[in-house]
mmCIF file of all heavy atoms, coordinates in Angstrom:
data_MODEL
# 
_entry.id   MODEL 
# 
loop_
_atom_site.group_PDB 
_atom_site.id 
_atom_site.type_symbol 
_atom_site.label_atom_id 
_atom_site.label_alt_id 
_atom_site.label_comp_id 
_atom_site.label_asym_id 
_atom_site.label_entity_id 
_atom_site.label_seq_id 
_atom_site.pdbx_PDB_ins_code 
_atom_site.Cartn_x 
_atom_site.Cartn_y 
_atom_site.Cartn_z 
_atom_site.occupancy 
_atom_site.B_iso_or_equiv 
_atom_site.pdbx_formal_charge 
_atom_site.auth_seq_id 
_atom_site.auth_comp_id 
_atom_site.auth_asym_id 
_atom_site.auth_atom_id 
_atom_site.pdbx_PDB_model_num 
ATOM 1   N N   . MET A 1 1  ? 7.600   -13.603 -6.419  1.00 0.00 ? 1  MET A N   1 
ATOM 2   C CA  . MET A 1 1  ? 6.370   -13.098 -5.763  1.00 0.00 ? 1  MET A CA  1 
ATOM 3   C C   . MET A 1 1  ? 5.665   -12.139 -6.765  1.00 0.00 ? 1  MET A C   1 
ATOM 4   O O   . MET A 1 1  ? 6.286   -11.392 -7.494  1.00 0.00 ? 1  MET A O   1 
ATOM 5   C CB  . MET A 1 1  ? 6.808   -12.341 -4.600  1.00 0.00 ? 1  MET A CB  1 
ATOM 6   C CG  . MET A 1 1  ? 5.539   -11.835 -3.763  1.00 0.00 ? 1  MET A CG  1 
ATOM 7   S SD  . MET A 1 1  ? 6.081   -11.054 -2.308  1.00 0.00 ? 1  MET A SD  1 
ATOM 8   C CE  . MET A 1 1  ? 5.206   -9.594  -2.367  1.00 0.00 ? 1  MET A CE  1 
ATOM 9   N N   . LYS A 1 2  ? 4.320   -12.210 -6.681  1.00 0.00 ? 2  LYS A N   1 
ATOM 10  C CA  . LYS A 1 2  ? 3.644   -11.287 -7.659  1.00 0.00 ? 2  LYS A CA  1 
ATOM 11  C C   . LYS A 1 2  ? 3.723   -9.913  -7.048  1.00 0.00 ? 2  LYS A C   1 
ATOM 12  O O   . LYS A 1 2  ? 3.829   -9.671  -5.859  1.00 0.00 ? 2  LYS A O   1 
ATOM 13  C CB  . LYS A 1 2  ? 2.162   -11.749 -7.643  1.00 0.00 ? 2  LYS A CB  1 
ATOM 14  C CG  . LYS A 1 2  ? 1.896   -13.100 -8.320  1.00 0.00 ? 2  LYS A CG  1 
ATOM 15  C CD  . LYS A 1 2  ? 0.430   -13.310 -8.301  1.00 0.00 ? 2  LYS A CD  1 
ATOM 16  C CE  . LYS A 1 2  ? 0.143   -14.717 -8.964  1.00 0.00 ? 2  LYS A CE  1 
ATOM 17  N NZ  . LYS A 1 2  ? -1.296  -15.033 -8.923  1.00 0.00 ? 2  LYS A NZ  1 
ATOM 18  N N   . GLU A 1 3  ? 3.670   -8.966  -7.963  1.00 0.00 ? 3  GLU A N   1 
ATOM 19  C CA  . GLU A 1 3  ? 3.695   -7.532  -7.629  1.00 0.00 ? 3  GLU A CA  1 
ATOM 20  C C   . GLU A 1 3  ? 2.344   -7.208  -6.988  1.00 0.00 ? 3  GLU A C   1 
ATOM 21  O O   . GLU A 1 3  ? 1.262   -7.618  -7.511  1.00 0.00 ? 3  GLU A O   1 
ATOM 22  C CB  . GLU A 1 3  ? 3.982   -6.673  -8.841  1.00 0.00 ? 3  GLU A CB  1 
ATOM 23  C CG  . GLU A 1 3  ? 4.310   -5.215  -8.568  1.00 0.00 ? 3  GLU A CG  1 
ATOM 24  C CD  . GLU A 1 3  ? 5.640   -5.063  -7.826  1.00 0.00 ? 3  GLU A CD  1 
ATOM 25  O OE1 . GLU A 1 3  ? 6.557   -5.898  -8.005  1.00 0.00 ? 3  GLU A OE1 1 
ATOM 26  O OE2 . GLU A 1 3  ? 5.724   -4.136  -6.998  1.00 0.00 ? 3  GLU A OE2 1 
ATOM 27  N N   . ILE A 1 4  ? 2.310   -6.361  -5.980  1.00 0.00 ? 4  ILE A N   1 
ATOM 28  C CA  . ILE A 1 4  ? 1.125   -6.010  -5.304  1.00 0.00 ? 4  ILE A CA  1 
ATOM 29  C C   . ILE A 1 4  ? 0.539   -4.772  -6.100  1.00 0.00 ? 4  ILE A C   1 
ATOM 30  O O   . ILE A 1 4  ? 1.159   -3.783  -6.249  1.00 0.00 ? 4  ILE A O   1 
ATOM 31  C CB  . ILE A 1 4  ? 1.395   -5.565  -3.866  1.00 0.00 ? 4  ILE A CB  1 
ATOM 32  C CG1 . ILE A 1 4  ? 1.870   -6.804  -3.061  1.00 0.00 ? 4  ILE A CG1 1 
ATOM 33  C CG2 . ILE A 1 4  ? 0.069   -5.093  -3.164  1.00 0.00 ? 4  ILE A CG2 1 
ATOM 34  C CD1 . ILE A 1 4  ? 2.354   -6.522  -1.723  1.00 0.00 ? 4  ILE A CD1 1 
ATOM 35  N N   . ALA A 1 5  ? -0.727  -5.014  -6.547  1.00 0.00 ? 5  ALA A N   1 
ATOM 36  C CA  . ALA A 1 5  ? -1.311  -3.967  -7.419  1.00 0.00 ? 5  ALA A CA  1 
ATOM 37  C C   . ALA A 1 5  ? -2.435  -3.183  -6.668  1.00 0.00 ? 5  ALA A C   1 
ATOM 38  O O   . ALA A 1 5  ? -3.597  -3.445  -6.882  1.00 0.00 ? 5  ALA A O   1 
ATOM 39  C CB  . ALA A 1 5  ? -1.879  -4.612  -8.671  1.00 0.00 ? 5  ALA A CB  1 
ATOM 40  N N   . VAL A 1 6  ? -2.015  -2.343  -5.812  1.00 0.00 ? 6  VAL A N   1 
ATOM 41  C CA  . VAL A 1 6  ? -2.899  -1.487  -5.121  1.00 0.00 ? 6  VAL A CA  1 
ATOM 42  C C   . VAL A 1 6  ? -2.594  -0.042  -5.527  1.00 0.00 ? 6  VAL A C   1 
ATOM 43  O O   . VAL A 1 6  ? -1.479  0.457   -5.260  1.00 0.00 ? 6  VAL A O   1 
ATOM 44  C CB  . VAL A 1 6  ? -2.755  -1.618  -3.562  1.00 0.00 ? 6  VAL A CB  1 
ATOM 45  C CG1 . VAL A 1 6  ? -3.728  -0.697  -2.812  1.00 0.00 ? 6  VAL A CG1 1 
ATOM 46  C CG2 . VAL A 1 6  ? -3.009  -3.122  -3.157  1.00 0.00 ? 6  VAL A CG2 1 
ATOM 47  N N   . GLU A 1 7  ? -3.532  0.695   -6.089  1.00 0.00 ? 7  GLU A N   1 
ATOM 48  C CA  . GLU A 1 7  ? -3.271  1.939   -6.583  1.00 0.00 ? 7  GLU A CA  1 
ATOM 49  C C   . GLU A 1 7  ? -3.922  3.075   -5.741  1.00 0.00 ? 7  GLU A C   1 
ATOM 50  O O   . GLU A 1 7  ? -3.371  4.189   -5.737  1.00 0.00 ? 7  GLU A O   1 
ATOM 51  C CB  . GLU A 1 7  ? -3.799  2.103   -8.082  1.00 0.00 ? 7  GLU A CB  1 
ATOM 52  C CG  . GLU A 1 7  ? -3.030  1.173   -9.068  1.00 0.00 ? 7  GLU A CG  1 
ATOM 53  C CD  . GLU A 1 7  ? -3.536  1.213   -10.425 1.00 0.00 ? 7  GLU A CD  1 
ATOM 54  O OE1 . GLU A 1 7  ? -4.371  2.132   -10.705 1.00 0.00 ? 7  GLU A OE1 1 
ATOM 55  O OE2 . GLU A 1 7  ? -3.183  0.430   -11.218 1.00 0.00 ? 7  GLU A OE2 1 
ATOM 56  N N   . LYS A 1 8  ? -4.985  2.754   -4.991  1.00 0.00 ? 8  LYS A N   1 
ATOM 57  C CA  . LYS A 1 8  ? -5.730  3.740   -4.137  1.00 0.00 ? 8  LYS A CA  1 
ATOM 58  C C   . LYS A 1 8  ? -6.075  3.123   -2.933  1.00 0.00 ? 8  LYS A C   1 
ATOM 59  O O   . LYS A 1 8  ? -6.361  1.935   -2.785  1.00 0.00 ? 8  LYS A O   1 
ATOM 60  C CB  . LYS A 1 8  ? -6.981  4.181   -4.881  1.00 0.00 ? 8  LYS A CB  1 
ATOM 61  C CG  . LYS A 1 8  ? -6.760  5.223   -6.011  1.00 0.00 ? 8  LYS A CG  1 
ATOM 62  C CD  . LYS A 1 8  ? -8.160  5.723   -6.468  1.00 0.00 ? 8  LYS A CD  1 
ATOM 63  C CE  . LYS A 1 8  ? -7.996  6.901   -7.279  1.00 0.00 ? 8  LYS A CE  1 
ATOM 64  N NZ  . LYS A 1 8  ? -9.237  7.437   -7.720  1.00 0.00 ? 8  LYS A NZ  1 
ATOM 65  N N   . CYS A 1 9  ? -6.126  3.996   -1.924  1.00 0.00 ? 9  CYS A N   1 
ATOM 66  C CA  . CYS A 1 9  ? -6.587  3.516   -0.572  1.00 0.00 ? 9  CYS A CA  1 
ATOM 67  C C   . CYS A 1 9  ? -8.053  3.278   -0.667  1.00 0.00 ? 9  CYS A C   1 
ATOM 68  O O   . CYS A 1 9  ? -8.800  4.215   -1.088  1.00 0.00 ? 9  CYS A O   1 
ATOM 69  C CB  . CYS A 1 9  ? -6.258  4.534   0.438   1.00 0.00 ? 9  CYS A CB  1 
ATOM 70  S SG  . CYS A 1 9  ? -6.948  4.179   2.046   1.00 0.00 ? 9  CYS A SG  1 
ATOM 71  N N   . PRO A 1 10 ? -8.575  2.181   -0.256  1.00 0.00 ? 10 PRO A N   1 
ATOM 72  C CA  . PRO A 1 10 ? -10.018 1.969   -0.371  1.00 0.00 ? 10 PRO A CA  1 
ATOM 73  C C   . PRO A 1 10 ? -10.855 2.754   0.697   1.00 0.00 ? 10 PRO A C   1 
ATOM 74  O O   . PRO A 1 10 ? -12.042 2.848   0.572   1.00 0.00 ? 10 PRO A O   1 
ATOM 75  C CB  . PRO A 1 10 ? -10.196 0.481   -0.090  1.00 0.00 ? 10 PRO A CB  1 
ATOM 76  C CG  . PRO A 1 10 ? -9.000  0.064   0.611   1.00 0.00 ? 10 PRO A CG  1 
ATOM 77  C CD  . PRO A 1 10 ? -7.896  1.012   0.166   1.00 0.00 ? 10 PRO A CD  1 
ATOM 78  N N   . TYR A 1 11 ? -10.113 3.329   1.628   1.00 0.00 ? 11 TYR A N   1 
ATOM 79  C CA  . TYR A 1 11 ? -10.835 4.077   2.669   1.00 0.00 ? 11 TYR A CA  1 
ATOM 80  C C   . TYR A 1 11 ? -10.992 5.598   2.297   1.00 0.00 ? 11 TYR A C   1 
ATOM 81  O O   . TYR A 1 11 ? -12.076 6.172   2.426   1.00 0.00 ? 11 TYR A O   1 
ATOM 82  C CB  . TYR A 1 11 ? -10.129 3.951   4.061   1.00 0.00 ? 11 TYR A CB  1 
ATOM 83  C CG  . TYR A 1 11 ? -10.078 2.486   4.417   1.00 0.00 ? 11 TYR A CG  1 
ATOM 84  C CD1 . TYR A 1 11 ? -8.882  1.776   4.344   1.00 0.00 ? 11 TYR A CD1 1 
ATOM 85  C CD2 . TYR A 1 11 ? -11.161 1.920   5.064   1.00 0.00 ? 11 TYR A CD2 1 
ATOM 86  C CE1 . TYR A 1 11 ? -8.871  0.419   4.708   1.00 0.00 ? 11 TYR A CE1 1 
ATOM 87  C CE2 . TYR A 1 11 ? -11.199 0.545   5.425   1.00 0.00 ? 11 TYR A CE2 1 
ATOM 88  C CZ  . TYR A 1 11 ? -9.965  -0.126  5.195   1.00 0.00 ? 11 TYR A CZ  1 
ATOM 89  O OH  . TYR A 1 11 ? -9.955  -1.393  5.640   1.00 0.00 ? 11 TYR A OH  1 
ATOM 90  N N   . CYS A 1 12 ? -9.870  6.196   1.956   1.00 0.00 ? 12 CYS A N   1 
ATOM 91  C CA  . CYS A 1 12 ? -9.886  7.686   1.668   1.00 0.00 ? 12 CYS A CA  1 
ATOM 92  C C   . CYS A 1 12 ? -9.667  8.100   0.164   1.00 0.00 ? 12 CYS A C   1 
ATOM 93  O O   . CYS A 1 12 ? -9.726  9.183   -0.085  1.00 0.00 ? 12 CYS A O   1 
ATOM 94  C CB  . CYS A 1 12 ? -8.835  8.326   2.616   1.00 0.00 ? 12 CYS A CB  1 
ATOM 95  S SG  . CYS A 1 12 ? -7.137  8.185   2.074   1.00 0.00 ? 12 CYS A SG  1 
ATOM 96  N N   . GLY A 1 13 ? -9.252  7.065   -0.609  1.00 0.00 ? 13 GLY A N   1 
ATOM 97  C CA  . GLY A 1 13 ? -8.996  7.395   -2.000  1.00 0.00 ? 13 GLY A CA  1 
ATOM 98  C C   . GLY A 1 13 ? -7.552  7.912   -2.152  1.00 0.00 ? 13 GLY A C   1 
ATOM 99  O O   . GLY A 1 13 ? -7.205  8.284   -3.310  1.00 0.00 ? 13 GLY A O   1 
ATOM 100 N N   . GLY A 1 14 ? -6.732  7.972   -1.160  1.00 0.00 ? 14 GLY A N   1 
ATOM 101 C CA  . GLY A 1 14 ? -5.363  8.402   -1.285  1.00 0.00 ? 14 GLY A CA  1 
ATOM 102 C C   . GLY A 1 14 ? -4.603  7.643   -2.288  1.00 0.00 ? 14 GLY A C   1 
ATOM 103 O O   . GLY A 1 14 ? -4.781  6.335   -2.335  1.00 0.00 ? 14 GLY A O   1 
ATOM 104 N N   . GLU A 1 15 ? -3.710  8.198   -3.087  1.00 0.00 ? 15 GLU A N   1 
ATOM 105 C CA  . GLU A 1 15 ? -3.020  7.504   -4.071  1.00 0.00 ? 15 GLU A CA  1 
ATOM 106 C C   . GLU A 1 15 ? -1.488  7.287   -3.747  1.00 0.00 ? 15 GLU A C   1 
ATOM 107 O O   . GLU A 1 15 ? -0.753  6.809   -4.634  1.00 0.00 ? 15 GLU A O   1 
ATOM 108 C CB  . GLU A 1 15 ? -3.085  8.353   -5.383  1.00 0.00 ? 15 GLU A CB  1 
ATOM 109 C CG  . GLU A 1 15 ? -4.530  8.394   -5.908  1.00 0.00 ? 15 GLU A CG  1 
ATOM 110 C CD  . GLU A 1 15 ? -4.609  9.155   -7.175  1.00 0.00 ? 15 GLU A CD  1 
ATOM 111 O OE1 . GLU A 1 15 ? -3.556  9.551   -7.813  1.00 0.00 ? 15 GLU A OE1 1 
ATOM 112 O OE2 . GLU A 1 15 ? -5.739  9.217   -7.679  1.00 0.00 ? 15 GLU A OE2 1 
ATOM 113 N N   . GLU A 1 16 ? -1.123  7.532   -2.531  1.00 0.00 ? 16 GLU A N   1 
ATOM 114 C CA  . GLU A 1 16 ? 0.284   7.303   -2.085  1.00 0.00 ? 16 GLU A CA  1 
ATOM 115 C C   . GLU A 1 16 ? 0.329   6.278   -1.036  1.00 0.00 ? 16 GLU A C   1 
ATOM 116 O O   . GLU A 1 16 ? 0.084   6.566   0.163   1.00 0.00 ? 16 GLU A O   1 
ATOM 117 C CB  . GLU A 1 16 ? 0.926   8.575   -1.665  1.00 0.00 ? 16 GLU A CB  1 
ATOM 118 C CG  . GLU A 1 16 ? 2.380   8.467   -1.605  1.00 0.00 ? 16 GLU A CG  1 
ATOM 119 C CD  . GLU A 1 16 ? 3.126   9.846   -1.409  1.00 0.00 ? 16 GLU A CD  1 
ATOM 120 O OE1 . GLU A 1 16 ? 2.466   10.864  -1.486  1.00 0.00 ? 16 GLU A OE1 1 
ATOM 121 O OE2 . GLU A 1 16 ? 4.298   9.752   -1.105  1.00 0.00 ? 16 GLU A OE2 1 
ATOM 122 N N   . LEU A 1 17 ? 0.547   4.977   -1.443  1.00 0.00 ? 17 LEU A N   1 
ATOM 123 C CA  . LEU A 1 17 ? 0.712   3.866   -0.519  1.00 0.00 ? 17 LEU A CA  1 
ATOM 124 C C   . LEU A 1 17 ? 2.139   3.603   -0.376  1.00 0.00 ? 17 LEU A C   1 
ATOM 125 O O   . LEU A 1 17 ? 2.807   3.366   -1.408  1.00 0.00 ? 17 LEU A O   1 
ATOM 126 C CB  . LEU A 1 17 ? -0.115  2.706   -0.958  1.00 0.00 ? 17 LEU A CB  1 
ATOM 127 C CG  . LEU A 1 17 ? -1.592  2.946   -1.010  1.00 0.00 ? 17 LEU A CG  1 
ATOM 128 C CD1 . LEU A 1 17 ? -2.346  1.713   -1.690  1.00 0.00 ? 17 LEU A CD1 1 
ATOM 129 C CD2 . LEU A 1 17 ? -2.241  3.185   0.402   1.00 0.00 ? 17 LEU A CD2 1 
ATOM 130 N N   . LYS A 1 18 ? 2.676   3.427   0.817   1.00 0.00 ? 18 LYS A N   1 
ATOM 131 C CA  . LYS A 1 18 ? 4.048   3.226   1.050   1.00 0.00 ? 18 LYS A CA  1 
ATOM 132 C C   . LYS A 1 18 ? 4.351   1.831   1.664   1.00 0.00 ? 18 LYS A C   1 
ATOM 133 O O   . LYS A 1 18 ? 3.575   1.374   2.574   1.00 0.00 ? 18 LYS A O   1 
ATOM 134 C CB  . LYS A 1 18 ? 4.655   4.289   1.950   1.00 0.00 ? 18 LYS A CB  1 
ATOM 135 C CG  . LYS A 1 18 ? 4.779   5.639   1.298   1.00 0.00 ? 18 LYS A CG  1 
ATOM 136 C CD  . LYS A 1 18 ? 5.675   5.620   0.231   1.00 0.00 ? 18 LYS A CD  1 
ATOM 137 C CE  . LYS A 1 18 ? 5.869   7.017   -0.432  1.00 0.00 ? 18 LYS A CE  1 
ATOM 138 N NZ  . LYS A 1 18 ? 6.672   6.966   -1.539  1.00 0.00 ? 18 LYS A NZ  1 
ATOM 139 N N   . GLU A 1 19 ? 5.317   1.187   1.253   1.00 0.00 ? 19 GLU A N   1 
ATOM 140 C CA  . GLU A 1 19 ? 5.696   -0.184  1.806   1.00 0.00 ? 19 GLU A CA  1 
ATOM 141 C C   . GLU A 1 19 ? 6.564   0.081   2.986   1.00 0.00 ? 19 GLU A C   1 
ATOM 142 O O   . GLU A 1 19 ? 7.515   0.848   3.003   1.00 0.00 ? 19 GLU A O   1 
ATOM 143 C CB  . GLU A 1 19 ? 6.511   -0.938  0.698   1.00 0.00 ? 19 GLU A CB  1 
ATOM 144 C CG  . GLU A 1 19 ? 6.989   -2.285  1.344   1.00 0.00 ? 19 GLU A CG  1 
ATOM 145 C CD  . GLU A 1 19 ? 7.835   -2.958  0.298   1.00 0.00 ? 19 GLU A CD  1 
ATOM 146 O OE1 . GLU A 1 19 ? 9.071   -2.573  0.248   1.00 0.00 ? 19 GLU A OE1 1 
ATOM 147 O OE2 . GLU A 1 19 ? 7.290   -3.817  -0.377  1.00 0.00 ? 19 GLU A OE2 1 
ATOM 148 N N   . CYS A 1 20 ? 6.097   -0.528  4.134   1.00 0.00 ? 20 CYS A N   1 
ATOM 149 C CA  . CYS A 1 20 ? 6.844   -0.314  5.364   1.00 0.00 ? 20 CYS A CA  1 
ATOM 150 C C   . CYS A 1 20 ? 7.179   -1.692  5.968   1.00 0.00 ? 20 CYS A C   1 
ATOM 151 O O   . CYS A 1 20 ? 6.331   -2.590  5.900   1.00 0.00 ? 20 CYS A O   1 
ATOM 152 C CB  . CYS A 1 20 ? 6.026   0.464   6.443   1.00 0.00 ? 20 CYS A CB  1 
ATOM 153 S SG  . CYS A 1 20 ? 5.508   2.075   5.759   1.00 0.00 ? 20 CYS A SG  1 
ATOM 154 N N   . ARG A 1 21 ? 8.362   -1.857  6.528   1.00 0.00 ? 21 ARG A N   1 
ATOM 155 C CA  . ARG A 1 21 ? 8.787   -3.113  7.260   1.00 0.00 ? 21 ARG A CA  1 
ATOM 156 C C   . ARG A 1 21 ? 8.280   -3.018  8.661   1.00 0.00 ? 21 ARG A C   1 
ATOM 157 O O   . ARG A 1 21 ? 8.513   -2.044  9.369   1.00 0.00 ? 21 ARG A O   1 
ATOM 158 C CB  . ARG A 1 21 ? 10.233  -3.286  7.193   1.00 0.00 ? 21 ARG A CB  1 
ATOM 159 C CG  . ARG A 1 21 ? 10.647  -4.675  7.680   1.00 0.00 ? 21 ARG A CG  1 
ATOM 160 C CD  . ARG A 1 21 ? 12.080  -4.739  7.636   1.00 0.00 ? 21 ARG A CD  1 
ATOM 161 N NE  . ARG A 1 21 ? 12.496  -5.964  8.482   1.00 0.00 ? 21 ARG A NE  1 
ATOM 162 C CZ  . ARG A 1 21 ? 13.485  -6.765  8.209   1.00 0.00 ? 21 ARG A CZ  1 
ATOM 163 N NH1 . ARG A 1 21 ? 14.223  -6.511  7.159   1.00 0.00 ? 21 ARG A NH1 1 
ATOM 164 N NH2 . ARG A 1 21 ? 13.747  -7.743  9.035   1.00 0.00 ? 21 ARG A NH2 1 
ATOM 165 N N   . VAL A 1 22 ? 7.559   -4.063  9.150   1.00 0.00 ? 22 VAL A N   1 
ATOM 166 C CA  . VAL A 1 22 ? 7.105   -4.152  10.486  1.00 0.00 ? 22 VAL A CA  1 
ATOM 167 C C   . VAL A 1 22 ? 8.277   -4.594  11.400  1.00 0.00 ? 22 VAL A C   1 
ATOM 168 O O   . VAL A 1 22 ? 8.950   -5.607  11.104  1.00 0.00 ? 22 VAL A O   1 
ATOM 169 C CB  . VAL A 1 22 ? 5.965   -5.174  10.585  1.00 0.00 ? 22 VAL A CB  1 
ATOM 170 C CG1 . VAL A 1 22 ? 5.449   -5.341  12.043  1.00 0.00 ? 22 VAL A CG1 1 
ATOM 171 C CG2 . VAL A 1 22 ? 4.792   -4.764  9.674   1.00 0.00 ? 22 VAL A CG2 1 
ATOM 172 N N   . GLU A 1 23 ? 8.586   -3.862  12.457  1.00 0.00 ? 23 GLU A N   1 
ATOM 173 C CA  . GLU A 1 23 ? 9.698   -4.103  13.321  1.00 0.00 ? 23 GLU A CA  1 
ATOM 174 C C   . GLU A 1 23 ? 9.179   -4.596  14.679  1.00 0.00 ? 23 GLU A C   1 
ATOM 175 O O   . GLU A 1 23 ? 8.075   -4.826  14.906  1.00 0.00 ? 23 GLU A O   1 
ATOM 176 C CB  . GLU A 1 23 ? 10.552  -2.794  13.499  1.00 0.00 ? 23 GLU A CB  1 
ATOM 177 C CG  . GLU A 1 23 ? 11.123  -2.317  12.207  1.00 0.00 ? 23 GLU A CG  1 
ATOM 178 C CD  . GLU A 1 23 ? 12.359  -3.191  11.716  1.00 0.00 ? 23 GLU A CD  1 
ATOM 179 O OE1 . GLU A 1 23 ? 12.986  -3.942  12.582  1.00 0.00 ? 23 GLU A OE1 1 
ATOM 180 O OE2 . GLU A 1 23 ? 12.626  -3.195  10.577  1.00 0.00 ? 23 GLU A OE2 1 
ATOM 181 N N   . SER A 1 24 ? 10.193  -4.837  15.566  1.00 0.00 ? 24 SER A N   1 
ATOM 182 C CA  . SER A 1 24 ? 9.907   -5.372  16.896  1.00 0.00 ? 24 SER A CA  1 
ATOM 183 C C   . SER A 1 24 ? 9.172   -6.699  16.960  1.00 0.00 ? 24 SER A C   1 
ATOM 184 O O   . SER A 1 24 ? 7.953   -6.760  17.278  1.00 0.00 ? 24 SER A O   1 
ATOM 185 C CB  . SER A 1 24 ? 9.077   -4.272  17.717  1.00 0.00 ? 24 SER A CB  1 
ATOM 186 O OG  . SER A 1 24 ? 9.938   -3.367  18.189  1.00 0.00 ? 24 SER A OG  1 
# 
């Protein structure tokens, strides 16, 4: 799988994007 290259949030410019697993 290709690495996801997202460095900034396009909405607020935040630089800390976290990977989360969707549950339920």
